[in-house]
Amino acid sequence: MEELIQNKKRQERFKNGLLSSIEQFRLGNDHLGLDHFLNCIADLEVLIEIDAYASKSKLGIDLLIPTMEKIHHYLQNQDVVALTDLLEFQLYPLIKQSFEVGDY
């Protein structure tokens, strides 16, 4: 039960970190937006690992991998506008829907 509570907290922290990152990018605070994004990636890594051991995947890894590849591409090219759009309109809805599907 404690593990379930910790995972819910991690999910919320990830979603909040992602939203904060998006907000900072939109405000033009690129360094702060990047800091928030990099901080929440650690939570995503743990959530992906938990999902890998779950009896039924909830994260939609098949959709997450191409999105993460695009994020990598935009970071390499320092395309903050495209990165922000991707975070807001692809990654966040994907993650939000995955978390609503069920508990880990």
Protein backbone atom coordinates (compact mmCIF):
# COMPACT_ATOMS: atom_id res chain seq x y z
CA MET A 1 0.00 0.00 0.00
CA GLU A 2 2.84 2.37 0.85
CA GLU A 3 4.34 1.75 -2.59
CA LEU A 4 1.06 2.71 -4.25
CA ILE A 5 0.96 5.97 -2.29
CA GLN A 6 4.57 6.75 -3.25
CA ASN A 7 3.82 6.10 -6.92
CA LYS A 8 0.77 8.38 -6.84
CA LYS A 9 2.92 11.11 -5.30
CA ARG A 10 5.55 10.54 -7.98
CA GLN A 11 2.91 10.76 -10.71
CA GLU A 12 1.60 14.05 -9.32
CA ARG A 13 5.11 15.44 -8.89
CA PHE A 14 5.92 14.53 -12.48
CA LYS A 15 2.74 16.13 -13.86
CA ASN A 16 3.26 19.27 -11.76
CA GLY A 17 6.92 19.50 -12.78
CA LEU A 18 5.98 19.14 -16.43
CA LEU A 19 3.31 21.83 -16.16
CA SER A 20 5.74 24.11 -14.35
CA SER A 21 8.31 23.53 -17.06
CA ILE A 22 5.80 24.39 -19.78
CA GLU A 23 4.75 27.54 -17.93
CA GLN A 24 8.35 28.72 -17.50
CA PHE A 25 9.13 28.09 -21.18
CA ARG A 26 6.01 30.05 -22.20
CA LEU A 27 7.10 32.93 -19.96
CA GLY A 28 10.52 32.99 -21.63
CA ASN A 29 12.34 31.60 -18.60
CA ASP A 30 14.14 28.94 -20.61
CA HIS A 31 16.75 28.04 -17.99
CA LEU A 32 14.14 27.60 -15.27
CA GLY A 33 11.88 25.67 -17.64
CA LEU A 34 14.73 23.33 -18.52
CA ASP A 35 15.60 22.86 -14.84
CA HIS A 36 12.01 21.92 -14.03
CA PHE A 37 11.87 19.55 -16.99
CA LEU A 38 15.14 17.81 -16.11
CA ASN A 39 14.04 17.44 -12.50
CA CYS A 40 10.79 15.74 -13.45
CA ILE A 41 12.55 13.34 -15.85
CA ALA A 42 13.90 11.41 -12.85
CA ASP A 43 10.32 10.68 -11.81
CA LEU A 44 9.46 9.60 -15.35
CA GLU A 45 12.37 7.17 -15.35
CA VAL A 46 11.07 5.51 -12.18
CA LEU A 47 7.51 5.42 -13.51
CA ILE A 48 8.71 3.76 -16.71
CA GLU A 49 10.61 1.18 -14.70
CA ILE A 50 7.55 0.43 -12.56
CA ASP A 51 5.44 0.18 -15.70
CA ALA A 52 7.87 -2.31 -17.20
CA TYR A 53 7.26 -4.70 -14.30
CA ALA A 54 3.50 -4.21 -14.19
CA SER A 55 1.30 -7.01 -15.45
CA LYS A 56 -0.34 -4.57 -17.87
CA SER A 57 1.47 -1.51 -19.23
CA LYS A 58 -0.32 1.77 -18.57
CA LEU A 59 2.19 4.30 -19.88
CA GLY A 60 1.91 3.57 -23.57
CA ILE A 61 5.63 3.13 -24.11
CA ASP A 62 5.04 2.71 -27.84
CA LEU A 63 3.79 6.32 -27.91
CA LEU A 64 6.22 7.62 -25.31
CA ILE A 65 9.41 6.57 -27.11
CA PRO A 66 8.79 8.62 -30.31
CA THR A 67 7.82 11.61 -28.16
CA MET A 68 11.02 11.32 -26.13
CA GLU A 69 13.05 11.06 -29.35
CA LYS A 70 11.48 14.30 -30.56
CA ILE A 71 12.26 15.94 -27.20
CA HIS A 72 15.88 14.88 -27.60
CA HIS A 73 15.96 16.33 -31.12
CA TYR A 74 14.47 19.66 -30.00
CA LEU A 75 16.86 19.90 -27.07
CA GLN A 76 19.83 19.27 -29.36
CA ASN A 77 18.64 22.00 -31.71
CA GLN A 78 17.70 24.34 -28.86
CA ASP A 79 14.22 24.70 -30.33
CA VAL A 80 12.40 25.85 -27.21
CA VAL A 81 9.12 26.66 -28.98
CA ALA A 82 8.84 23.20 -30.57
CA LEU A 83 9.93 21.57 -27.30
CA THR A 84 7.30 23.45 -25.33
CA ASP A 85 4.57 22.60 -27.82
CA LEU A 86 5.57 18.94 -27.69
CA LEU A 87 5.56 18.91 -23.88
CA GLU A 88 2.21 20.66 -23.67
CA PHE A 89 0.28 19.05 -26.51
CA GLN A 90 1.78 15.54 -26.73
CA LEU A 91 3.66 14.46 -23.62
CA TYR A 92 1.39 15.97 -20.97
CA PRO A 93 -1.88 14.60 -22.45
CA LEU A 94 -0.26 11.18 -22.95
CA ILE A 95 0.97 11.06 -19.36
CA LYS A 96 -2.24 12.46 -17.91
CA GLN A 97 -4.33 9.86 -19.73
CA SER A 98 -1.97 7.06 -18.69
CA PHE A 99 -2.15 8.05 -15.05
CA GLU A 100 -5.94 8.19 -15.15
CA VAL A 101 -6.17 4.66 -16.56
CA GLY A 102 -5.22 3.06 -13.28
CA ASP A 103 -2.90 2.76 -10.37
CA TYR A 104 0.57 1.28 -10.31
